[in-house]
Amino acid sequence: MPWLVIRYPAMARDDQKVMWAGPLESAEVGAMFHSPAREELGKRLMKGEALVFVLVESGKKEGDEAAGKLLEEQIPILQKTVKVSKVLEDDPLVEGPTLKSNLPVKLEMSVMRVSRAIRVRGCLCEC
């Protein structure tokens, strides 16, 4: 049967190279790609948020809090300086990058915090 192996990056130690292995049809595979965090990110983008910062927490509370605070402090500054173009890609009069979708885009930004720890087969792994 088809088998899937998910490996850590090349720089991982030999004892950490395989993160998960199992049948391709496994429900665990689906759970890895359909997480509550991914669903929340999709909801925010689909409702028109221009930018969602995804803060992948290290597990070190002090550093995670400092990074979160920095992002939260920068959002009001960015909201005053960033401009969102409403030009769609089929406008022949516009050069350069354009939107690839006609979803309503608002100049809203947010921070979404996610843990690096994931559950695979009941065990807690660090990504």
N, C-alpha and C. Protein backbone atom coordinates (compact mmCIF):
# COMPACT_ATOMS: atom_id res chain seq x y z
N MET A 1 0.83 -1.18 0.00
CA MET A 1 0.00 0.00 0.00
C MET A 1 0.88 1.25 0.00
N PRO A 2 0.36 2.39 -0.40
CA PRO A 2 1.17 3.62 -0.36
C PRO A 2 1.58 3.96 1.07
N TRP A 3 2.78 4.44 1.23
CA TRP A 3 3.35 4.76 2.55
C TRP A 3 3.89 6.18 2.50
N LEU A 4 3.70 6.95 3.53
CA LEU A 4 4.15 8.32 3.59
C LEU A 4 5.16 8.47 4.72
N VAL A 5 6.26 9.17 4.44
CA VAL A 5 7.26 9.46 5.46
C VAL A 5 7.47 10.97 5.47
N ILE A 6 7.31 11.58 6.63
CA ILE A 6 7.56 13.02 6.79
C ILE A 6 8.83 13.16 7.59
N ARG A 7 9.80 13.86 6.98
CA ARG A 7 11.12 14.01 7.60
C ARG A 7 11.35 15.45 8.04
N TYR A 8 12.19 15.59 9.05
CA TYR A 8 12.65 16.91 9.47
C TYR A 8 13.62 17.43 8.41
N PRO A 9 13.93 18.74 8.44
CA PRO A 9 14.89 19.28 7.48
C PRO A 9 16.24 18.57 7.54
N ALA A 10 17.02 18.73 6.49
CA ALA A 10 18.31 18.04 6.36
C ALA A 10 19.25 18.31 7.54
N MET A 11 19.09 19.45 8.19
CA MET A 11 20.01 19.78 9.28
C MET A 11 19.68 19.07 10.59
N ALA A 12 18.60 18.34 10.65
CA ALA A 12 18.23 17.62 11.87
C ALA A 12 19.22 16.50 12.15
N ARG A 13 19.35 16.19 13.45
CA ARG A 13 20.23 15.08 13.83
C ARG A 13 19.66 13.78 13.27
N ASP A 14 20.51 12.78 13.13
CA ASP A 14 20.08 11.49 12.58
C ASP A 14 18.92 10.87 13.37
N ASP A 15 18.93 11.06 14.69
CA ASP A 15 17.87 10.46 15.51
C ASP A 15 16.55 11.24 15.43
N GLN A 16 16.54 12.35 14.70
CA GLN A 16 15.33 13.16 14.56
C GLN A 16 14.84 13.23 13.11
N LYS A 17 15.41 12.48 12.21
CA LYS A 17 15.09 12.67 10.79
C LYS A 17 13.65 12.30 10.42
N VAL A 18 13.07 11.27 11.01
CA VAL A 18 11.71 10.89 10.67
C VAL A 18 10.75 11.45 11.71
N MET A 19 9.84 12.32 11.26
CA MET A 19 8.84 12.89 12.15
C MET A 19 7.64 11.97 12.25
N TRP A 20 7.23 11.39 11.12
CA TRP A 20 6.06 10.52 11.09
C TRP A 20 6.17 9.60 9.89
N ALA A 21 5.69 8.38 10.03
CA ALA A 21 5.61 7.44 8.91
C ALA A 21 4.35 6.60 9.10
N GLY A 22 3.66 6.34 8.00
CA GLY A 22 2.45 5.53 8.10
C GLY A 22 1.75 5.42 6.77
N PRO A 23 0.64 4.70 6.74
CA PRO A 23 -0.12 4.52 5.51
C PRO A 23 -0.65 5.86 4.99
N LEU A 24 -0.63 6.03 3.69
CA LEU A 24 -1.07 7.28 3.07
C LEU A 24 -2.54 7.57 3.36
N GLU A 25 -3.35 6.56 3.53
CA GLU A 25 -4.78 6.76 3.79
C GLU A 25 -5.07 7.07 5.25
N SER A 26 -4.08 7.09 6.08
CA SER A 26 -4.27 7.26 7.51
C SER A 26 -5.00 8.55 7.85
N ALA A 27 -5.88 8.49 8.83
CA ALA A 27 -6.58 9.67 9.32
C ALA A 27 -5.59 10.67 9.93
N GLU A 28 -4.47 10.15 10.42
CA GLU A 28 -3.45 11.03 11.00
C GLU A 28 -2.89 11.99 9.95
N VAL A 29 -2.78 11.54 8.70
CA VAL A 29 -2.28 12.41 7.63
C VAL A 29 -3.25 13.57 7.45
N GLY A 30 -4.52 13.27 7.38
CA GLY A 30 -5.52 14.32 7.24
C GLY A 30 -5.48 15.31 8.39
N ALA A 31 -5.29 14.80 9.60
CA ALA A 31 -5.24 15.67 10.78
C ALA A 31 -4.05 16.62 10.71
N MET A 32 -2.94 16.21 10.10
CA MET A 32 -1.77 17.07 9.99
C MET A 32 -2.04 18.25 9.07
N PHE A 33 -2.87 18.04 8.06
CA PHE A 33 -3.10 19.08 7.06
C PHE A 33 -4.38 19.87 7.32
N HIS A 34 -5.22 19.42 8.23
CA HIS A 34 -6.48 20.10 8.52
C HIS A 34 -6.55 20.39 10.02
N SER A 35 -5.74 21.31 10.45
CA SER A 35 -5.68 21.65 11.87
C SER A 35 -6.61 22.82 12.17
N PRO A 36 -7.00 22.98 13.43
CA PRO A 36 -7.79 24.15 13.82
C PRO A 36 -7.07 25.46 13.50
N ALA A 37 -5.74 25.48 13.63
CA ALA A 37 -4.99 26.70 13.32
C ALA A 37 -5.07 27.04 11.84
N ARG A 38 -4.96 26.03 10.97
CA ARG A 38 -5.07 26.28 9.53
C ARG A 38 -6.48 26.77 9.18
N GLU A 39 -7.49 26.18 9.82
CA GLU A 39 -8.86 26.61 9.56
C GLU A 39 -9.06 28.06 9.99
N GLU A 40 -8.51 28.42 11.15
CA GLU A 40 -8.64 29.80 11.64
C GLU A 40 -7.92 30.77 10.70
N LEU A 41 -6.74 30.41 10.25
CA LEU A 41 -6.00 31.26 9.32
C LEU A 41 -6.81 31.47 8.04
N GLY A 42 -7.37 30.40 7.51
CA GLY A 42 -8.20 30.50 6.31
C GLY A 42 -9.40 31.40 6.52
N LYS A 43 -10.06 31.29 7.67
CA LYS A 43 -11.23 32.14 7.96
C LYS A 43 -10.84 33.61 7.97
N ARG A 44 -9.73 33.91 8.61
CA ARG A 44 -9.30 35.31 8.70
C ARG A 44 -8.99 35.87 7.31
N LEU A 45 -8.29 35.11 6.51
CA LEU A 45 -7.95 35.58 5.16
C LEU A 45 -9.18 35.69 4.28
N MET A 46 -10.10 34.73 4.40
CA MET A 46 -11.30 34.76 3.56
C MET A 46 -12.26 35.87 3.95
N LYS A 47 -12.19 36.33 5.20
CA LYS A 47 -13.07 37.44 5.57
C LYS A 47 -12.44 38.78 5.17
N GLY A 48 -11.24 38.73 4.61
CA GLY A 48 -10.65 39.93 4.03
C GLY A 48 -9.50 40.55 4.77
N GLU A 49 -8.99 39.91 5.84
CA GLU A 49 -7.83 40.50 6.52
C GLU A 49 -6.67 40.57 5.54
N ALA A 50 -6.01 41.70 5.50
CA ALA A 50 -4.91 41.88 4.57
C ALA A 50 -3.67 41.10 4.99
N LEU A 51 -3.50 40.91 6.29
CA LEU A 51 -2.28 40.28 6.78
C LEU A 51 -2.55 39.56 8.10
N VAL A 52 -2.08 38.34 8.20
CA VAL A 52 -2.16 37.60 9.46
C VAL A 52 -0.74 37.15 9.80
N PHE A 53 -0.22 37.66 10.89
CA PHE A 53 1.09 37.21 11.36
C PHE A 53 0.88 35.90 12.08
N VAL A 54 1.61 34.86 11.70
CA VAL A 54 1.53 33.58 12.39
C VAL A 54 2.78 33.45 13.26
N LEU A 55 2.57 33.52 14.56
CA LEU A 55 3.67 33.41 15.52
C LEU A 55 3.75 31.96 15.98
N VAL A 56 4.79 31.27 15.53
CA VAL A 56 5.00 29.89 15.95
C VAL A 56 5.80 29.95 17.25
N GLU A 57 5.14 29.62 18.33
CA GLU A 57 5.76 29.75 19.64
C GLU A 57 6.88 28.73 19.84
N SER A 58 7.93 29.18 20.52
CA SER A 58 9.09 28.34 20.76
C SER A 58 8.90 27.43 21.96
N GLY A 59 7.96 27.78 22.82
CA GLY A 59 7.80 27.04 24.08
C GLY A 59 8.52 27.72 25.22
N LYS A 60 9.29 28.76 24.92
CA LYS A 60 9.97 29.55 25.95
C LYS A 60 9.09 30.77 26.21
N LYS A 61 8.35 30.72 27.30
CA LYS A 61 7.30 31.71 27.58
C LYS A 61 7.77 33.16 27.46
N GLU A 62 8.90 33.48 28.02
CA GLU A 62 9.38 34.86 28.01
C GLU A 62 9.63 35.35 26.57
N GLY A 63 10.28 34.54 25.77
CA GLY A 63 10.55 34.91 24.38
C GLY A 63 9.28 34.97 23.54
N ASP A 64 8.38 34.02 23.76
CA ASP A 64 7.11 34.01 23.03
C ASP A 64 6.29 35.25 23.34
N GLU A 65 6.25 35.63 24.62
CA GLU A 65 5.49 36.82 25.01
C GLU A 65 6.10 38.08 24.42
N ALA A 66 7.44 38.17 24.41
CA ALA A 66 8.11 39.34 23.84
C ALA A 66 7.84 39.46 22.34
N ALA A 67 7.88 38.33 21.63
CA ALA A 67 7.61 38.34 20.19
C ALA A 67 6.16 38.73 19.93
N GLY A 68 5.23 38.18 20.71
CA GLY A 68 3.82 38.53 20.55
C GLY A 68 3.56 40.00 20.81
N LYS A 69 4.19 40.53 21.84
CA LYS A 69 4.03 41.95 22.18
C LYS A 69 4.57 42.84 21.06
N LEU A 70 5.72 42.47 20.52
CA LEU A 70 6.31 43.25 19.43
C LEU A 70 5.38 43.28 18.21
N LEU A 71 4.84 42.13 17.85
CA LEU A 71 3.90 42.09 16.72
C LEU A 71 2.67 42.95 16.99
N GLU A 72 2.10 42.82 18.17
CA GLU A 72 0.90 43.59 18.51
C GLU A 72 1.19 45.10 18.48
N GLU A 73 2.39 45.50 18.88
CA GLU A 73 2.76 46.92 18.85
C GLU A 73 2.95 47.43 17.42
N GLN A 74 3.40 46.56 16.53
CA GLN A 74 3.67 46.98 15.16
C GLN A 74 2.41 47.08 14.30
N ILE A 75 1.37 46.35 14.64
CA ILE A 75 0.16 46.34 13.81
C ILE A 75 -0.43 47.75 13.63
N PRO A 76 -0.63 48.55 14.68
CA PRO A 76 -1.18 49.89 14.45
C PRO A 76 -0.28 50.76 13.57
N ILE A 77 1.02 50.59 13.71
CA ILE A 77 1.96 51.34 12.87
C ILE A 77 1.80 50.93 11.41
N LEU A 78 1.75 49.63 11.17
CA LEU A 78 1.58 49.13 9.80
C LEU A 78 0.24 49.55 9.21
N GLN A 79 -0.80 49.56 10.02
CA GLN A 79 -2.12 49.94 9.52
C GLN A 79 -2.16 51.40 9.06
N LYS A 80 -1.27 52.22 9.60
CA LYS A 80 -1.21 53.62 9.19
C LYS A 80 -0.34 53.82 7.95
N THR A 81 0.58 52.90 7.68
CA THR A 81 1.54 53.11 6.60
C THR A 81 1.33 52.21 5.38
N VAL A 82 0.73 51.05 5.56
CA VAL A 82 0.55 50.11 4.45
C VAL A 82 -0.70 50.48 3.65
N LYS A 83 -0.61 50.38 2.35
CA LYS A 83 -1.75 50.64 1.47
C LYS A 83 -2.15 49.33 0.80
N VAL A 84 -3.45 49.08 0.72
CA VAL A 84 -3.95 47.89 0.05
C VAL A 84 -4.50 48.30 -1.30
N SER A 85 -3.97 47.69 -2.35
CA SER A 85 -4.43 47.98 -3.70
C SER A 85 -5.73 47.24 -3.97
N LYS A 86 -6.64 47.89 -4.63
CA LYS A 86 -7.91 47.26 -5.00
C LYS A 86 -7.90 46.81 -6.46
N VAL A 87 -6.76 46.92 -7.13
CA VAL A 87 -6.67 46.60 -8.55
C VAL A 87 -6.65 45.09 -8.75
N LEU A 88 -7.50 44.61 -9.63
CA LEU A 88 -7.53 43.19 -9.95
C LEU A 88 -6.55 42.89 -11.07
N GLU A 89 -6.12 41.64 -11.19
CA GLU A 89 -5.07 41.30 -12.15
C GLU A 89 -5.47 41.48 -13.60
N ASP A 90 -6.75 41.60 -13.92
CA ASP A 90 -7.12 41.73 -15.32
C ASP A 90 -7.17 43.19 -15.80
N ASP A 91 -6.70 44.13 -14.99
CA ASP A 91 -6.68 45.53 -15.40
C ASP A 91 -5.46 45.80 -16.27
N PRO A 92 -5.63 46.04 -17.57
CA PRO A 92 -4.49 46.24 -18.48
C PRO A 92 -3.76 47.55 -18.26
N LEU A 93 -4.34 48.48 -17.52
CA LEU A 93 -3.71 49.79 -17.31
C LEU A 93 -2.75 49.81 -16.14
N VAL A 94 -2.63 48.71 -15.42
CA VAL A 94 -1.80 48.67 -14.21
C VAL A 94 -0.60 47.77 -14.44
N GLU A 95 0.58 48.32 -14.15
CA GLU A 95 1.81 47.52 -14.21
C GLU A 95 2.16 47.05 -12.81
N GLY A 96 2.90 45.96 -12.73
CA GLY A 96 3.37 45.47 -11.44
C GLY A 96 2.40 44.53 -10.78
N PRO A 97 2.68 44.19 -9.52
CA PRO A 97 1.87 43.20 -8.80
C PRO A 97 0.43 43.67 -8.61
N THR A 98 -0.49 42.76 -8.74
CA THR A 98 -1.90 43.06 -8.52
C THR A 98 -2.53 41.92 -7.73
N LEU A 99 -3.74 42.15 -7.25
CA LEU A 99 -4.45 41.11 -6.51
C LEU A 99 -4.80 39.96 -7.44
N LYS A 100 -4.77 38.76 -6.93
CA LYS A 100 -5.11 37.58 -7.73
C LYS A 100 -6.53 37.11 -7.44
N SER A 101 -7.26 37.85 -6.65
CA SER A 101 -8.60 37.45 -6.26
C SER A 101 -9.46 38.69 -6.10
N ASN A 102 -10.74 38.54 -6.28
CA ASN A 102 -11.61 39.68 -6.07
C ASN A 102 -12.30 39.63 -4.70
N LEU A 103 -11.70 38.89 -3.76
CA LEU A 103 -12.20 38.90 -2.39
C LEU A 103 -12.05 40.31 -1.82
N PRO A 104 -12.95 40.73 -0.98
CA PRO A 104 -12.80 42.05 -0.37
C PRO A 104 -11.59 42.04 0.58
N VAL A 105 -10.68 42.98 0.39
CA VAL A 105 -9.51 43.06 1.26
C VAL A 105 -9.62 44.32 2.09
N LYS A 106 -9.53 44.15 3.41
CA LYS A 106 -9.59 45.28 4.34
C LYS A 106 -8.21 45.43 4.97
N LEU A 107 -7.90 46.61 5.35
CA LEU A 107 -6.61 46.84 6.00
C LEU A 107 -6.71 46.44 7.46
N GLU A 108 -6.98 45.16 7.67
CA GLU A 108 -7.01 44.59 9.02
C GLU A 108 -5.85 43.62 9.13
N MET A 109 -5.25 43.60 10.29
CA MET A 109 -4.12 42.71 10.55
C MET A 109 -4.33 42.08 11.92
N SER A 110 -3.82 40.89 12.07
CA SER A 110 -3.94 40.22 13.37
C SER A 110 -2.75 39.30 13.58
N VAL A 111 -2.63 38.84 14.82
CA VAL A 111 -1.60 37.89 15.20
C VAL A 111 -2.30 36.60 15.59
N MET A 112 -1.83 35.50 15.04
CA MET A 112 -2.34 34.19 15.40
C MET A 112 -1.19 33.39 15.99
N ARG A 113 -1.34 32.96 17.21
CA ARG A 113 -0.28 32.21 17.88
C ARG A 113 -0.56 30.72 17.77
N VAL A 114 0.46 29.97 17.39
CA VAL A 114 0.34 28.51 17.33
C VAL A 114 1.54 27.89 18.02
N SER A 115 1.32 26.73 18.58
CA SER A 115 2.38 26.01 19.27
C SER A 115 3.20 25.21 18.26
N ARG A 116 4.48 25.08 18.51
CA ARG A 116 5.33 24.23 17.67
C ARG A 116 5.03 22.76 17.90
N ALA A 117 4.48 22.45 19.06
CA ALA A 117 4.21 21.05 19.41
C ALA A 117 3.00 20.56 18.65
N ILE A 118 3.10 19.38 18.06
CA ILE A 118 1.98 18.77 17.36
C ILE A 118 1.79 17.35 17.88
N ARG A 119 0.58 16.85 17.77
CA ARG A 119 0.31 15.48 18.21
C ARG A 119 0.29 14.57 16.99
N VAL A 120 1.10 13.52 17.06
CA VAL A 120 1.11 12.50 16.01
C VAL A 120 1.06 11.16 16.73
N ARG A 121 0.04 10.37 16.43
CA ARG A 121 -0.14 9.07 17.06
C ARG A 121 -0.10 9.15 18.57
N GLY A 122 -0.70 10.20 19.12
CA GLY A 122 -0.79 10.31 20.56
C GLY A 122 0.47 10.83 21.23
N CYS A 123 1.57 11.02 20.49
CA CYS A 123 2.77 11.54 21.13
C CYS A 123 2.96 13.00 20.75
N LEU A 124 3.61 13.74 21.60
CA LEU A 124 3.85 15.14 21.36
C LEU A 124 5.20 15.29 20.68
N CYS A 125 5.21 15.95 19.52
CA CYS A 125 6.45 16.13 18.75
C CYS A 125 6.69 17.62 18.57
N GLU A 126 7.93 18.02 18.46
CA GLU A 126 8.28 19.41 18.16
C GLU A 126 8.56 19.50 16.67
N CYS A 127 7.93 20.50 15.98
CA CYS A 127 8.24 20.66 14.56
C CYS A 127 9.45 21.53 14.37
